[in-house]
mmCIF file of all heavy atoms, coordinates in Angstrom:
data_MODEL
# 
_entry.id   MODEL 
# 
loop_
_atom_site.group_PDB 
_atom_site.id 
_atom_site.type_symbol 
_atom_site.label_atom_id 
_atom_site.label_alt_id 
_atom_site.label_comp_id 
_atom_site.label_asym_id 
_atom_site.label_entity_id 
_atom_site.label_seq_id 
_atom_site.pdbx_PDB_ins_code 
_atom_site.Cartn_x 
_atom_site.Cartn_y 
_atom_site.Cartn_z 
_atom_site.occupancy 
_atom_site.B_iso_or_equiv 
_atom_site.pdbx_formal_charge 
_atom_site.auth_seq_id 
_atom_site.auth_comp_id 
_atom_site.auth_asym_id 
_atom_site.auth_atom_id 
_atom_site.pdbx_PDB_model_num 
ATOM 1   N N   . ALA A 1 1  ? 0.767   -1.175  0.036  1.00 0.00 ? 1  ALA A N   1 
ATOM 2   C CA  . ALA A 1 1  ? -0.042  0.015   -0.031 1.00 0.00 ? 1  ALA A CA  1 
ATOM 3   C C   . ALA A 1 1  ? 0.914   1.297   -0.012 1.00 0.00 ? 1  ALA A C   1 
ATOM 4   O O   . ALA A 1 1  ? 0.614   2.176   -0.746 1.00 0.00 ? 1  ALA A O   1 
ATOM 5   C CB  . ALA A 1 1  ? -0.978  -0.081  1.226  1.00 0.00 ? 1  ALA A CB  1 
ATOM 6   N N   . ASP A 1 2  ? 1.934   1.259   0.754  1.00 0.00 ? 2  ASP A N   1 
ATOM 7   C CA  . ASP A 1 2  ? 2.820   2.450   0.872  1.00 0.00 ? 2  ASP A CA  1 
ATOM 8   C C   . ASP A 1 2  ? 3.561   2.576   -0.525 1.00 0.00 ? 2  ASP A C   1 
ATOM 9   O O   . ASP A 1 2  ? 3.753   3.750   -0.972 1.00 0.00 ? 2  ASP A O   1 
ATOM 10  C CB  . ASP A 1 2  ? 3.837   2.300   1.963  1.00 0.00 ? 2  ASP A CB  1 
ATOM 11  C CG  . ASP A 1 2  ? 3.332   2.335   3.312  1.00 0.00 ? 2  ASP A CG  1 
ATOM 12  O OD1 . ASP A 1 2  ? 2.144   2.802   3.466  1.00 0.00 ? 2  ASP A OD1 1 
ATOM 13  O OD2 . ASP A 1 2  ? 3.965   1.963   4.311  1.00 0.00 ? 2  ASP A OD2 1 
ATOM 14  N N   . ALA A 1 3  ? 3.974   1.519   -1.092 1.00 0.00 ? 3  ALA A N   1 
ATOM 15  C CA  . ALA A 1 3  ? 4.688   1.626   -2.399 1.00 0.00 ? 3  ALA A CA  1 
ATOM 16  C C   . ALA A 1 3  ? 3.903   2.296   -3.443 1.00 0.00 ? 3  ALA A C   1 
ATOM 17  O O   . ALA A 1 3  ? 4.399   2.934   -4.381 1.00 0.00 ? 3  ALA A O   1 
ATOM 18  C CB  . ALA A 1 3  ? 5.186   0.228   -2.783 1.00 0.00 ? 3  ALA A CB  1 
ATOM 19  N N   . PHE A 1 4  ? 2.553   2.069   -3.405 1.00 0.00 ? 4  PHE A N   1 
ATOM 20  C CA  . PHE A 1 4  ? 1.659   2.615   -4.470 1.00 0.00 ? 4  PHE A CA  1 
ATOM 21  C C   . PHE A 1 4  ? 0.951   3.846   -3.926 1.00 0.00 ? 4  PHE A C   1 
ATOM 22  O O   . PHE A 1 4  ? 0.006   4.403   -4.705 1.00 0.00 ? 4  PHE A O   1 
ATOM 23  C CB  . PHE A 1 4  ? 0.793   1.563   -5.000 1.00 0.00 ? 4  PHE A CB  1 
ATOM 24  C CG  . PHE A 1 4  ? 1.478   0.388   -5.515 1.00 0.00 ? 4  PHE A CG  1 
ATOM 25  C CD1 . PHE A 1 4  ? 1.262   -0.871  -5.025 1.00 0.00 ? 4  PHE A CD1 1 
ATOM 26  C CD2 . PHE A 1 4  ? 2.392   0.546   -6.559 1.00 0.00 ? 4  PHE A CD2 1 
ATOM 27  C CE1 . PHE A 1 4  ? 1.934   -1.989  -5.631 1.00 0.00 ? 4  PHE A CE1 1 
ATOM 28  C CE2 . PHE A 1 4  ? 3.090   -0.533  -7.171 1.00 0.00 ? 4  PHE A CE2 1 
ATOM 29  C CZ  . PHE A 1 4  ? 2.873   -1.772  -6.626 1.00 0.00 ? 4  PHE A CZ  1 
ATOM 30  N N   . GLY A 1 5  ? 1.275   4.284   -2.761 1.00 0.00 ? 5  GLY A N   1 
ATOM 31  C CA  . GLY A 1 5  ? 0.623   5.558   -2.197 1.00 0.00 ? 5  GLY A CA  1 
ATOM 32  C C   . GLY A 1 5  ? -0.822  5.388   -2.005 1.00 0.00 ? 5  GLY A C   1 
ATOM 33  O O   . GLY A 1 5  ? -1.597  6.348   -2.113 1.00 0.00 ? 5  GLY A O   1 
ATOM 34  N N   . SER A 1 6  ? -1.350  4.199   -1.689 1.00 0.00 ? 6  SER A N   1 
ATOM 35  C CA  . SER A 1 6  ? -2.801  3.922   -1.494 1.00 0.00 ? 6  SER A CA  1 
ATOM 36  C C   . SER A 1 6  ? -3.293  4.641   -0.348 1.00 0.00 ? 6  SER A C   1 
ATOM 37  O O   . SER A 1 6  ? -2.785  4.595   0.858  1.00 0.00 ? 6  SER A O   1 
ATOM 38  C CB  . SER A 1 6  ? -3.090  2.521   -1.335 1.00 0.00 ? 6  SER A CB  1 
ATOM 39  O OG  . SER A 1 6  ? -4.452  2.218   -1.050 1.00 0.00 ? 6  SER A OG  1 
ATOM 40  N N   . GLN A 1 7  ? -4.354  5.410   -0.567 1.00 0.00 ? 7  GLN A N   1 
ATOM 41  C CA  . GLN A 1 7  ? -5.016  6.136   0.526  1.00 0.00 ? 7  GLN A CA  1 
ATOM 42  C C   . GLN A 1 7  ? -6.250  5.395   1.077  1.00 0.00 ? 7  GLN A C   1 
ATOM 43  O O   . GLN A 1 7  ? -6.820  5.852   2.071  1.00 0.00 ? 7  GLN A O   1 
ATOM 44  C CB  . GLN A 1 7  ? -5.484  7.571   -0.018 1.00 0.00 ? 7  GLN A CB  1 
ATOM 45  C CG  . GLN A 1 7  ? -4.311  8.379   -0.480 1.00 0.00 ? 7  GLN A CG  1 
ATOM 46  C CD  . GLN A 1 7  ? -3.282  8.673   0.590  1.00 0.00 ? 7  GLN A CD  1 
ATOM 47  O OE1 . GLN A 1 7  ? -3.616  9.110   1.629  1.00 0.00 ? 7  GLN A OE1 1 
ATOM 48  N NE2 . GLN A 1 7  ? -2.028  8.353   0.332  1.00 0.00 ? 7  GLN A NE2 1 
ATOM 49  N N   . ASP A 1 8  ? -6.577  4.344   0.478  1.00 0.00 ? 8  ASP A N   1 
ATOM 50  C CA  . ASP A 1 8  ? -7.804  3.577   0.876  1.00 0.00 ? 8  ASP A CA  1 
ATOM 51  C C   . ASP A 1 8  ? -7.521  2.109   0.464  1.00 0.00 ? 8  ASP A C   1 
ATOM 52  O O   . ASP A 1 8  ? -7.464  1.828   -0.712 1.00 0.00 ? 8  ASP A O   1 
ATOM 53  C CB  . ASP A 1 8  ? -9.052  4.171   0.268  1.00 0.00 ? 8  ASP A CB  1 
ATOM 54  C CG  . ASP A 1 8  ? -10.312 3.388   0.684  1.00 0.00 ? 8  ASP A CG  1 
ATOM 55  O OD1 . ASP A 1 8  ? -10.372 2.765   1.643  1.00 0.00 ? 8  ASP A OD1 1 
ATOM 56  O OD2 . ASP A 1 8  ? -11.287 3.467   -0.200 1.00 0.00 ? 8  ASP A OD2 1 
ATOM 57  N N   . ARG A 1 9  ? -7.526  1.244   1.473  1.00 0.00 ? 9  ARG A N   1 
ATOM 58  C CA  . ARG A 1 9  ? -7.349  -0.174  1.125  1.00 0.00 ? 9  ARG A CA  1 
ATOM 59  C C   . ARG A 1 9  ? -8.306  -1.076  1.921  1.00 0.00 ? 9  ARG A C   1 
ATOM 60  O O   . ARG A 1 9  ? -8.763  -0.669  3.034  1.00 0.00 ? 9  ARG A O   1 
ATOM 61  C CB  . ARG A 1 9  ? -5.913  -0.598  1.301  1.00 0.00 ? 9  ARG A CB  1 
ATOM 62  C CG  . ARG A 1 9  ? -5.492  -0.751  2.735  1.00 0.00 ? 9  ARG A CG  1 
ATOM 63  C CD  . ARG A 1 9  ? -4.085  -1.276  2.848  1.00 0.00 ? 9  ARG A CD  1 
ATOM 64  N NE  . ARG A 1 9  ? -3.780  -1.590  4.225  1.00 0.00 ? 9  ARG A NE  1 
ATOM 65  C CZ  . ARG A 1 9  ? -3.117  -0.858  5.065  1.00 0.00 ? 9  ARG A CZ  1 
ATOM 66  N NH1 . ARG A 1 9  ? -2.696  0.357   4.718  1.00 0.00 ? 9  ARG A NH1 1 
ATOM 67  N NH2 . ARG A 1 9  ? -2.820  -1.226  6.310  1.00 0.00 ? 9  ARG A NH2 1 
ATOM 68  N N   . SER A 1 10 ? -8.534  -2.259  1.475  1.00 0.00 ? 10 SER A N   1 
ATOM 69  C CA  . SER A 1 10 ? -9.243  -3.244  2.111  1.00 0.00 ? 10 SER A CA  1 
ATOM 70  C C   . SER A 1 10 ? -8.632  -4.590  1.938  1.00 0.00 ? 10 SER A C   1 
ATOM 71  O O   . SER A 1 10 ? -8.055  -4.783  0.921  1.00 0.00 ? 10 SER A O   1 
ATOM 72  C CB  . SER A 1 10 ? -10.815 -3.186  1.831  1.00 0.00 ? 10 SER A CB  1 
ATOM 73  O OG  . SER A 1 10 ? -10.958 -3.522  0.433  1.00 0.00 ? 10 SER A OG  1 
ATOM 74  N N   . VAL A 1 11 ? -8.819  -5.423  2.906  1.00 0.00 ? 11 VAL A N   1 
ATOM 75  C CA  . VAL A 1 11 ? -8.147  -6.759  2.825  1.00 0.00 ? 11 VAL A CA  1 
ATOM 76  C C   . VAL A 1 11 ? -9.201  -7.852  3.183  1.00 0.00 ? 11 VAL A C   1 
ATOM 77  O O   . VAL A 1 11 ? -9.970  -7.656  4.221  1.00 0.00 ? 11 VAL A O   1 
ATOM 78  C CB  . VAL A 1 11 ? -6.974  -6.873  3.803  1.00 0.00 ? 11 VAL A CB  1 
ATOM 79  C CG1 . VAL A 1 11 ? -6.377  -8.231  3.782  1.00 0.00 ? 11 VAL A CG1 1 
ATOM 80  C CG2 . VAL A 1 11 ? -5.987  -5.732  3.484  1.00 0.00 ? 11 VAL A CG2 1 
ATOM 81  N N   . VAL A 1 12 ? -9.234  -8.925  2.324  1.00 0.00 ? 12 VAL A N   1 
ATOM 82  C CA  . VAL A 1 12 ? -10.076 -10.008 2.678  1.00 0.00 ? 12 VAL A CA  1 
ATOM 83  C C   . VAL A 1 12 ? -9.160  -11.088 2.864  1.00 0.00 ? 12 VAL A C   1 
ATOM 84  O O   . VAL A 1 12 ? -8.291  -11.462 2.050  1.00 0.00 ? 12 VAL A O   1 
ATOM 85  C CB  . VAL A 1 12 ? -11.029 -10.297 1.527  1.00 0.00 ? 12 VAL A CB  1 
ATOM 86  C CG1 . VAL A 1 12 ? -11.797 -11.703 1.815  1.00 0.00 ? 12 VAL A CG1 1 
ATOM 87  C CG2 . VAL A 1 12 ? -12.040 -9.198  1.334  1.00 0.00 ? 12 VAL A CG2 1 
ATOM 88  N N   . THR A 1 13 ? -9.224  -11.840 4.041  1.00 0.00 ? 13 THR A N   1 
ATOM 89  C CA  . THR A 1 13 ? -8.359  -12.936 4.318  1.00 0.00 ? 13 THR A CA  1 
ATOM 90  C C   . THR A 1 13 ? -9.230  -14.203 4.229  1.00 0.00 ? 13 THR A C   1 
ATOM 91  O O   . THR A 1 13 ? -10.292 -14.275 4.946  1.00 0.00 ? 13 THR A O   1 
ATOM 92  C CB  . THR A 1 13 ? -7.811  -12.832 5.749  1.00 0.00 ? 13 THR A CB  1 
ATOM 93  O OG1 . THR A 1 13 ? -7.008  -11.654 5.860  1.00 0.00 ? 13 THR A OG1 1 
ATOM 94  C CG2 . THR A 1 13 ? -6.888  -13.975 6.070  1.00 0.00 ? 13 THR A CG2 1 
ATOM 95  N N   . LEU A 1 14 ? -8.849  -15.108 3.410  1.00 0.00 ? 14 LEU A N   1 
ATOM 96  C CA  . LEU A 1 14 ? -9.491  -16.334 3.220  1.00 0.00 ? 14 LEU A CA  1 
ATOM 97  C C   . LEU A 1 14 ? -8.602  -17.510 3.822  1.00 0.00 ? 14 LEU A C   1 
ATOM 98  O O   . LEU A 1 14 ? -7.503  -17.556 3.414  1.00 0.00 ? 14 LEU A O   1 
ATOM 99  C CB  . LEU A 1 14 ? -9.820  -16.658 1.828  1.00 0.00 ? 14 LEU A CB  1 
ATOM 100 C CG  . LEU A 1 14 ? -10.758 -15.694 1.096  1.00 0.00 ? 14 LEU A CG  1 
ATOM 101 C CD1 . LEU A 1 14 ? -10.818 -16.010 -0.456 1.00 0.00 ? 14 LEU A CD1 1 
ATOM 102 C CD2 . LEU A 1 14 ? -12.132 -15.799 1.609  1.00 0.00 ? 14 LEU A CD2 1 
ATOM 103 N N   . GLN A 1 15 ? -9.261  -18.414 4.630  1.00 0.00 ? 15 GLN A N   1 
ATOM 104 C CA  . GLN A 1 15 ? -8.531  -19.450 5.071  1.00 0.00 ? 15 GLN A CA  1 
ATOM 105 C C   . GLN A 1 15 ? -8.850  -20.651 4.147  1.00 0.00 ? 15 GLN A C   1 
ATOM 106 O O   . GLN A 1 15 ? -9.912  -21.188 4.166  1.00 0.00 ? 15 GLN A O   1 
ATOM 107 C CB  . GLN A 1 15 ? -8.994  -19.859 6.531  1.00 0.00 ? 15 GLN A CB  1 
ATOM 108 C CG  . GLN A 1 15 ? -8.636  -18.790 7.531  1.00 0.00 ? 15 GLN A CG  1 
ATOM 109 C CD  . GLN A 1 15 ? -7.240  -18.405 7.694  1.00 0.00 ? 15 GLN A CD  1 
ATOM 110 O OE1 . GLN A 1 15 ? -6.382  -19.320 7.613  1.00 0.00 ? 15 GLN A OE1 1 
ATOM 111 N NE2 . GLN A 1 15 ? -6.880  -17.235 7.800  1.00 0.00 ? 15 GLN A NE2 1 
ATOM 112 N N   . ARG A 1 16 ? -7.948  -20.955 3.168  1.00 0.00 ? 16 ARG A N   1 
ATOM 113 C CA  . ARG A 1 16 ? -8.196  -21.976 2.228  1.00 0.00 ? 16 ARG A CA  1 
ATOM 114 C C   . ARG A 1 16 ? -7.491  -23.287 2.679  1.00 0.00 ? 16 ARG A C   1 
ATOM 115 O O   . ARG A 1 16 ? -6.647  -23.346 3.515  1.00 0.00 ? 16 ARG A O   1 
ATOM 116 C CB  . ARG A 1 16 ? -7.509  -21.533 0.858  1.00 0.00 ? 16 ARG A CB  1 
ATOM 117 C CG  . ARG A 1 16 ? -8.230  -20.428 0.291  1.00 0.00 ? 16 ARG A CG  1 
ATOM 118 C CD  . ARG A 1 16 ? -7.572  -20.060 -0.991 1.00 0.00 ? 16 ARG A CD  1 
ATOM 119 N NE  . ARG A 1 16 ? -8.516  -19.850 -2.000 1.00 0.00 ? 16 ARG A NE  1 
ATOM 120 C CZ  . ARG A 1 16 ? -8.218  -19.383 -3.227 1.00 0.00 ? 16 ARG A CZ  1 
ATOM 121 N NH1 . ARG A 1 16 ? -6.998  -19.258 -3.582 1.00 0.00 ? 16 ARG A NH1 1 
ATOM 122 N NH2 . ARG A 1 16 ? -9.244  -19.223 -4.114 1.00 0.00 ? 16 ARG A NH2 1 
ATOM 123 N N   . GLY A 1 17 ? -8.003  -24.382 2.093  1.00 0.00 ? 17 GLY A N   1 
ATOM 124 C CA  . GLY A 1 17 ? -7.456  -25.691 2.310  1.00 0.00 ? 17 GLY A CA  1 
ATOM 125 C C   . GLY A 1 17 ? -7.987  -26.362 3.531  1.00 0.00 ? 17 GLY A C   1 
ATOM 126 O O   . GLY A 1 17 ? -7.527  -27.452 3.883  1.00 0.00 ? 17 GLY A O   1 
ATOM 127 N N   . GLN A 1 18 ? -8.975  -25.788 4.142  1.00 0.00 ? 18 GLN A N   1 
ATOM 128 C CA  . GLN A 1 18 ? -9.590  -26.384 5.284  1.00 0.00 ? 18 GLN A CA  1 
ATOM 129 C C   . GLN A 1 18 ? -10.553 -27.472 4.702  1.00 0.00 ? 18 GLN A C   1 
ATOM 130 O O   . GLN A 1 18 ? -11.334 -27.153 3.846  1.00 0.00 ? 18 GLN A O   1 
ATOM 131 C CB  . GLN A 1 18 ? -10.275 -25.442 6.178  1.00 0.00 ? 18 GLN A CB  1 
ATOM 132 C CG  . GLN A 1 18 ? -9.294  -24.389 6.799  1.00 0.00 ? 18 GLN A CG  1 
ATOM 133 C CD  . GLN A 1 18 ? -10.086 -23.389 7.615  1.00 0.00 ? 18 GLN A CD  1 
ATOM 134 O OE1 . GLN A 1 18 ? -11.311 -23.333 7.659  1.00 0.00 ? 18 GLN A OE1 1 
ATOM 135 N NE2 . GLN A 1 18 ? -9.284  -22.579 8.270  1.00 0.00 ? 18 GLN A NE2 1 
ATOM 136 N N   . MET A 1 19 ? -10.512 -28.659 5.231  1.00 0.00 ? 19 MET A N   1 
ATOM 137 C CA  . MET A 1 19 ? -11.265 -29.723 4.655  1.00 0.00 ? 19 MET A CA  1 
ATOM 138 C C   . MET A 1 19 ? -12.688 -29.846 5.201  1.00 0.00 ? 19 MET A C   1 
ATOM 139 O O   . MET A 1 19 ? -13.348 -30.826 4.981  1.00 0.00 ? 19 MET A O   1 
ATOM 140 C CB  . MET A 1 19 ? -10.530 -31.069 4.853  1.00 0.00 ? 19 MET A CB  1 
ATOM 141 C CG  . MET A 1 19 ? -9.172  -31.080 4.160  1.00 0.00 ? 19 MET A CG  1 
ATOM 142 S SD  . MET A 1 19 ? -9.378  -30.656 2.409  1.00 0.00 ? 19 MET A SD  1 
ATOM 143 C CE  . MET A 1 19 ? -7.766  -30.025 2.015  1.00 0.00 ? 19 MET A CE  1 
ATOM 144 N N   . ASP A 1 20 ? -13.087 -28.925 5.977  1.00 0.00 ? 20 ASP A N   1 
ATOM 145 C CA  . ASP A 1 20 ? -14.498 -28.899 6.544  1.00 0.00 ? 20 ASP A CA  1 
ATOM 146 C C   . ASP A 1 20 ? -15.215 -27.685 6.029  1.00 0.00 ? 20 ASP A C   1 
ATOM 147 O O   . ASP A 1 20 ? -14.722 -26.893 5.268  1.00 0.00 ? 20 ASP A O   1 
ATOM 148 C CB  . ASP A 1 20 ? -14.508 -29.002 8.075  1.00 0.00 ? 20 ASP A CB  1 
ATOM 149 C CG  . ASP A 1 20 ? -13.757 -27.909 8.735  1.00 0.00 ? 20 ASP A CG  1 
ATOM 150 O OD1 . ASP A 1 20 ? -13.738 -26.760 8.158  1.00 0.00 ? 20 ASP A OD1 1 
ATOM 151 O OD2 . ASP A 1 20 ? -13.319 -28.056 9.908  1.00 0.00 ? 20 ASP A OD2 1 
ATOM 152 N N   . ALA A 1 21 ? -16.394 -27.538 6.427  1.00 0.00 ? 21 ALA A N   1 
ATOM 153 C CA  . ALA A 1 21 ? -17.280 -26.454 5.902  1.00 0.00 ? 21 ALA A CA  1 
ATOM 154 C C   . ALA A 1 21 ? -17.053 -25.105 6.675  1.00 0.00 ? 21 ALA A C   1 
ATOM 155 O O   . ALA A 1 21 ? -17.731 -24.132 6.460  1.00 0.00 ? 21 ALA A O   1 
ATOM 156 C CB  . ALA A 1 21 ? -18.755 -26.864 6.041  1.00 0.00 ? 21 ALA A CB  1 
ATOM 157 N N   . SER A 1 22 ? -16.087 -25.041 7.584  1.00 0.00 ? 22 SER A N   1 
ATOM 158 C CA  . SER A 1 22 ? -16.004 -23.830 8.410  1.00 0.00 ? 22 SER A CA  1 
ATOM 159 C C   . SER A 1 22 ? -14.999 -22.839 7.780  1.00 0.00 ? 22 SER A C   1 
ATOM 160 O O   . SER A 1 22 ? -14.356 -22.062 8.548  1.00 0.00 ? 22 SER A O   1 
ATOM 161 C CB  . SER A 1 22 ? -15.445 -24.248 9.738  1.00 0.00 ? 22 SER A CB  1 
ATOM 162 O OG  . SER A 1 22 ? -14.177 -24.787 9.713  1.00 0.00 ? 22 SER A OG  1 
ATOM 163 N N   . VAL A 1 23 ? -14.805 -22.854 6.467  1.00 0.00 ? 23 VAL A N   1 
ATOM 164 C CA  . VAL A 1 23 ? -13.937 -21.878 5.836  1.00 0.00 ? 23 VAL A CA  1 
ATOM 165 C C   . VAL A 1 23 ? -14.583 -20.488 6.101  1.00 0.00 ? 23 VAL A C   1 
ATOM 166 O O   . VAL A 1 23 ? -15.744 -20.271 5.854  1.00 0.00 ? 23 VAL A O   1 
ATOM 167 C CB  . VAL A 1 23 ? -13.800 -22.173 4.325  1.00 0.00 ? 23 VAL A CB  1 
ATOM 168 C CG1 . VAL A 1 23 ? -13.013 -21.121 3.628  1.00 0.00 ? 23 VAL A CG1 1 
ATOM 169 C CG2 . VAL A 1 23 ? -13.117 -23.532 4.093  1.00 0.00 ? 23 VAL A CG2 1 
ATOM 170 N N   . SER A 1 24 ? -13.697 -19.554 6.424  1.00 0.00 ? 24 SER A N   1 
ATOM 171 C CA  . SER A 1 24 ? -14.201 -18.256 6.827  1.00 0.00 ? 24 SER A CA  1 
ATOM 172 C C   . SER A 1 24 ? -13.434 -17.139 6.041  1.00 0.00 ? 24 SER A C   1 
ATOM 173 O O   . SER A 1 24 ? -12.353 -17.367 5.639  1.00 0.00 ? 24 SER A O   1 
ATOM 174 C CB  . SER A 1 24 ? -14.129 -17.976 8.258  1.00 0.00 ? 24 SER A CB  1 
ATOM 175 O OG  . SER A 1 24 ? -12.764 -18.042 8.729  1.00 0.00 ? 24 SER A OG  1 
ATOM 176 N N   . ALA A 1 25 ? -14.069 -16.056 5.938  1.00 0.00 ? 25 ALA A N   1 
ATOM 177 C CA  . ALA A 1 25 ? -13.432 -14.855 5.324  1.00 0.00 ? 25 ALA A CA  1 
ATOM 178 C C   . ALA A 1 25 ? -13.587 -13.691 6.252  1.00 0.00 ? 25 ALA A C   1 
ATOM 179 O O   . ALA A 1 25 ? -14.656 -13.512 6.912  1.00 0.00 ? 25 ALA A O   1 
ATOM 180 C CB  . ALA A 1 25 ? -14.125 -14.441 4.030  1.00 0.00 ? 25 ALA A CB  1 
ATOM 181 N N   . VAL A 1 26 ? -12.497 -12.957 6.429  1.00 0.00 ? 26 VAL A N   1 
ATOM 182 C CA  . VAL A 1 26 ? -12.487 -11.796 7.281  1.00 0.00 ? 26 VAL A CA  1 
ATOM 183 C C   . VAL A 1 26 ? -12.132 -10.591 6.486  1.00 0.00 ? 26 VAL A C   1 
ATOM 184 O O   . VAL A 1 26 ? -11.157 -10.550 5.727  1.00 0.00 ? 26 VAL A O   1 
ATOM 185 C CB  . VAL A 1 26 ? -11.454 -11.978 8.393  1.00 0.00 ? 26 VAL A CB  1 
ATOM 186 C CG1 . VAL A 1 26 ? -11.359 -10.699 9.265  1.00 0.00 ? 26 VAL A CG1 1 
ATOM 187 C CG2 . VAL A 1 26 ? -11.714 -13.207 9.281  1.00 0.00 ? 26 VAL A CG2 1 
# 
């Protein structure tokens, strides 16, 4: 973000590779 001078960012974190149905996104 700093390298591109971003003034507004958002992040989605996905937990992949979980073998059950409890995969979540934050």
